[in-house]
N, C-alpha and C. Protein backbone atom coordinates (compact mmCIF):
# COMPACT_ATOMS: atom_id res chain seq x y z
N UNK A 1 117.27 190.22 -29.91
CA UNK A 1 118.39 191.11 -29.99
C UNK A 1 119.60 190.40 -29.26
N UNK A 2 120.74 190.56 -29.97
CA UNK A 2 121.88 189.98 -29.43
C UNK A 2 122.52 190.85 -28.45
N UNK A 3 123.47 190.50 -27.75
CA UNK A 3 124.28 191.26 -26.73
C UNK A 3 124.93 192.36 -27.62
N UNK A 4 125.61 192.14 -28.57
CA UNK A 4 126.34 193.25 -29.43
C UNK A 4 125.32 194.23 -29.79
N UNK A 5 124.16 193.82 -30.39
CA UNK A 5 123.11 194.87 -30.67
C UNK A 5 122.67 195.67 -29.67
N UNK A 6 122.49 195.04 -28.48
CA UNK A 6 122.13 195.81 -27.20
C UNK A 6 123.00 196.82 -26.70
N UNK A 7 124.33 196.46 -26.87
CA UNK A 7 125.46 197.27 -26.50
C UNK A 7 125.47 198.38 -27.44
N UNK A 8 125.33 198.21 -28.69
CA UNK A 8 125.30 199.25 -29.67
C UNK A 8 124.09 200.25 -29.40
N UNK A 9 122.92 199.75 -28.88
CA UNK A 9 121.83 200.66 -28.67
C UNK A 9 122.15 201.43 -27.38
N UNK A 10 123.11 201.12 -26.52
CA UNK A 10 123.36 201.89 -25.34
C UNK A 10 124.49 202.77 -25.79
N UNK A 11 124.81 202.91 -26.84
CA UNK A 11 125.88 203.85 -27.13
C UNK A 11 127.27 203.23 -27.51
N UNK A 12 127.48 201.90 -27.19
CA UNK A 12 128.75 201.39 -27.57
C UNK A 12 129.84 201.65 -26.45
N UNK A 13 130.94 201.01 -26.84
CA UNK A 13 131.97 201.34 -25.78
C UNK A 13 131.94 200.59 -24.64
N UNK A 14 133.10 200.68 -23.70
CA UNK A 14 133.16 200.01 -22.66
C UNK A 14 132.14 200.18 -21.60
N UNK A 15 131.53 201.45 -21.33
CA UNK A 15 130.57 201.68 -20.27
C UNK A 15 129.27 200.88 -20.77
N UNK A 16 129.02 200.97 -22.00
CA UNK A 16 127.79 200.20 -22.51
C UNK A 16 127.91 198.67 -22.32
N UNK A 17 129.18 198.15 -22.48
CA UNK A 17 129.45 196.77 -22.41
C UNK A 17 129.31 196.45 -21.01
N UNK A 18 129.78 197.20 -20.14
CA UNK A 18 129.80 197.01 -18.64
C UNK A 18 128.29 196.99 -18.17
N UNK A 19 127.52 198.01 -18.60
CA UNK A 19 126.11 197.98 -18.25
C UNK A 19 125.44 196.85 -18.83
N UNK A 20 125.54 196.37 -19.96
CA UNK A 20 125.00 195.33 -20.62
C UNK A 20 125.24 193.82 -19.99
N UNK A 21 126.56 193.72 -19.72
CA UNK A 21 126.88 192.44 -18.89
C UNK A 21 126.39 192.60 -17.47
N UNK A 22 126.43 193.60 -16.80
CA UNK A 22 125.93 193.77 -15.52
C UNK A 22 124.35 193.36 -15.45
N UNK A 23 123.82 193.91 -16.34
CA UNK A 23 122.33 193.72 -16.43
C UNK A 23 122.06 192.20 -16.83
N UNK A 24 122.79 191.75 -17.65
CA UNK A 24 122.74 190.13 -17.98
C UNK A 24 122.90 189.39 -16.86
N UNK A 25 124.09 189.83 -16.02
CA UNK A 25 124.43 189.06 -14.72
C UNK A 25 123.28 189.12 -13.84
N UNK A 26 122.66 190.28 -13.60
CA UNK A 26 121.61 190.50 -12.61
C UNK A 26 120.25 189.63 -12.99
N UNK A 27 120.03 189.64 -14.26
CA UNK A 27 118.80 188.78 -14.82
C UNK A 27 119.25 187.29 -14.55
N UNK A 28 120.23 186.90 -14.78
CA UNK A 28 120.55 185.46 -14.44
C UNK A 28 120.57 185.29 -13.00
N UNK A 29 121.02 186.05 -12.28
CA UNK A 29 120.84 185.91 -10.65
C UNK A 29 119.39 185.92 -10.19
N UNK A 30 118.63 186.83 -10.83
CA UNK A 30 117.18 186.87 -10.38
C UNK A 30 116.42 185.59 -10.76
N UNK A 31 116.83 185.10 -12.07
CA UNK A 31 116.17 183.86 -12.48
C UNK A 31 116.48 182.66 -11.70
N UNK A 32 117.82 182.59 -11.42
CA UNK A 32 118.24 181.47 -10.52
C UNK A 32 117.68 181.47 -9.04
N UNK A 33 117.55 182.78 -8.60
CA UNK A 33 117.01 182.94 -7.27
C UNK A 33 115.52 182.50 -7.23
N UNK A 34 114.91 182.75 -8.26
CA UNK A 34 113.41 182.34 -8.39
C UNK A 34 113.50 180.82 -8.53
N UNK A 35 114.25 180.13 -9.17
CA UNK A 35 114.21 178.69 -9.12
C UNK A 35 114.54 177.99 -7.88
N UNK A 36 115.56 178.69 -7.12
CA UNK A 36 115.91 178.24 -5.84
C UNK A 36 114.87 178.27 -4.76
N UNK A 37 114.19 179.49 -4.83
CA UNK A 37 112.98 179.55 -3.95
C UNK A 37 111.90 178.66 -4.22
N UNK A 38 111.57 178.26 -5.60
CA UNK A 38 110.64 177.21 -5.88
C UNK A 38 111.10 175.90 -5.30
N UNK A 39 112.36 175.67 -5.33
CA UNK A 39 112.96 174.40 -4.93
C UNK A 39 112.80 174.29 -3.40
N UNK A 40 113.07 175.37 -2.64
CA UNK A 40 113.06 175.49 -1.25
C UNK A 40 111.62 175.26 -0.76
N UNK A 41 110.67 175.92 -1.49
CA UNK A 41 109.26 175.72 -1.15
C UNK A 41 108.77 174.44 -1.25
N UNK A 42 109.22 173.66 -2.46
CA UNK A 42 108.75 172.27 -2.45
C UNK A 42 109.38 171.22 -1.43
N UNK A 43 110.67 171.62 -0.96
CA UNK A 43 111.26 170.90 0.13
C UNK A 43 110.49 171.12 1.47
N UNK A 44 110.24 172.38 1.70
CA UNK A 44 109.40 172.80 2.87
C UNK A 44 108.08 172.00 2.86
N UNK A 45 107.52 171.93 1.75
CA UNK A 45 106.23 171.33 1.68
C UNK A 45 106.36 169.75 1.96
N UNK A 46 107.39 169.13 1.47
CA UNK A 46 107.50 167.74 1.58
C UNK A 46 107.84 167.48 3.02
N UNK A 47 108.68 168.43 3.71
CA UNK A 47 108.99 168.23 5.15
C UNK A 47 107.68 168.28 6.01
N UNK A 48 106.77 169.22 5.62
CA UNK A 48 105.51 169.26 6.34
C UNK A 48 104.69 168.07 6.13
N UNK A 49 104.73 167.47 4.89
CA UNK A 49 103.91 166.35 4.66
C UNK A 49 104.46 165.16 5.49
N UNK A 50 105.78 164.94 5.49
CA UNK A 50 106.50 163.78 6.15
C UNK A 50 106.36 164.12 7.82
N UNK A 51 106.24 165.27 8.15
CA UNK A 51 105.94 165.51 9.69
C UNK A 51 104.54 165.16 9.94
N UNK A 52 103.70 165.51 9.10
CA UNK A 52 102.28 165.17 9.40
C UNK A 52 102.11 163.73 9.39
N UNK A 53 102.76 162.99 8.61
CA UNK A 53 102.61 161.54 8.37
C UNK A 53 103.35 160.90 9.60
N UNK A 54 104.40 161.41 10.17
CA UNK A 54 105.02 160.91 11.30
C UNK A 54 104.24 161.10 12.53
N UNK A 55 103.62 162.28 12.70
CA UNK A 55 102.66 162.68 13.81
C UNK A 55 101.45 161.54 13.72
N UNK A 56 101.02 161.38 12.39
CA UNK A 56 99.90 160.49 12.33
C UNK A 56 100.20 158.99 12.75
N UNK A 57 101.40 158.51 12.42
CA UNK A 57 102.06 157.19 12.79
C UNK A 57 102.03 157.22 14.36
N UNK A 58 102.82 158.22 14.85
CA UNK A 58 102.99 158.25 16.25
C UNK A 58 101.73 158.18 16.99
N UNK A 59 100.69 158.98 16.61
CA UNK A 59 99.43 158.90 17.23
C UNK A 59 98.72 157.58 17.11
N UNK A 60 98.82 156.87 15.96
CA UNK A 60 98.22 155.55 15.90
C UNK A 60 98.97 154.54 16.84
N UNK A 61 100.30 154.74 16.82
CA UNK A 61 100.93 153.77 17.71
C UNK A 61 100.60 154.12 19.19
N UNK A 62 100.48 155.29 19.69
CA UNK A 62 100.12 155.60 21.07
C UNK A 62 98.80 155.14 21.29
N UNK A 63 97.82 155.17 20.32
CA UNK A 63 96.53 154.81 20.45
C UNK A 63 96.49 153.19 20.69
N UNK A 64 97.28 152.50 19.88
CA UNK A 64 97.25 151.13 19.95
C UNK A 64 97.97 150.58 21.26
N UNK A 65 98.87 151.43 21.61
CA UNK A 65 99.63 150.94 22.98
C UNK A 65 98.71 151.27 24.15
N UNK A 66 97.85 152.42 24.04
CA UNK A 66 96.92 152.53 25.23
C UNK A 66 95.88 151.54 25.29
N UNK A 67 95.39 151.19 23.97
CA UNK A 67 94.42 150.03 23.99
C UNK A 67 94.95 148.73 24.43
N UNK A 68 96.13 148.37 24.13
CA UNK A 68 96.81 147.31 24.80
C UNK A 68 96.98 147.33 26.41
N UNK A 69 97.42 148.49 26.81
CA UNK A 69 97.68 148.79 28.29
C UNK A 69 96.16 148.55 28.92
N UNK A 70 95.17 149.05 28.25
CA UNK A 70 93.84 149.07 28.86
C UNK A 70 93.28 147.55 29.03
N UNK A 71 93.43 146.94 27.87
CA UNK A 71 93.17 145.38 27.87
C UNK A 71 93.94 144.71 29.05
N UNK A 72 95.26 144.91 29.01
CA UNK A 72 96.08 144.31 30.23
C UNK A 72 95.35 144.59 31.55
N UNK A 73 95.10 145.80 31.83
CA UNK A 73 94.62 146.24 33.20
C UNK A 73 93.30 145.49 33.42
N UNK A 74 92.52 145.59 32.40
CA UNK A 74 91.23 144.68 32.60
C UNK A 74 91.25 143.27 32.81
N UNK A 75 92.25 142.67 32.16
CA UNK A 75 92.72 141.25 32.38
C UNK A 75 93.12 141.00 33.77
N UNK A 76 93.98 141.97 34.18
CA UNK A 76 94.55 141.80 35.51
C UNK A 76 93.34 141.98 36.71
N UNK A 77 92.57 142.98 36.32
CA UNK A 77 91.41 143.31 37.33
C UNK A 77 90.48 141.98 37.30
N UNK A 78 90.26 141.35 36.14
CA UNK A 78 89.51 140.32 36.14
C UNK A 78 89.95 139.04 36.91
N UNK A 79 91.18 138.88 37.04
CA UNK A 79 91.92 137.88 37.75
C UNK A 79 91.68 138.06 39.24
N UNK A 80 91.38 139.16 39.75
CA UNK A 80 91.32 139.34 41.16
C UNK A 80 90.30 138.63 41.67
């Protein structure tokens, strides 16, 4: 059904045209809002994954640093 046909079923005239265009604009905004929400969800999920990866890398670095410091302490203790 075209916009003109839909306006005709609403009774025609300016009020029907305003109702039809308003409804069409609301539908477009609703559809676009859904697309934007989907995009925001994807971005949030990507940020969570990046944060997890960063925490994992930080933990690995801290563990390696702790191991190195432990070895250094043991070497120094062995020299006594």
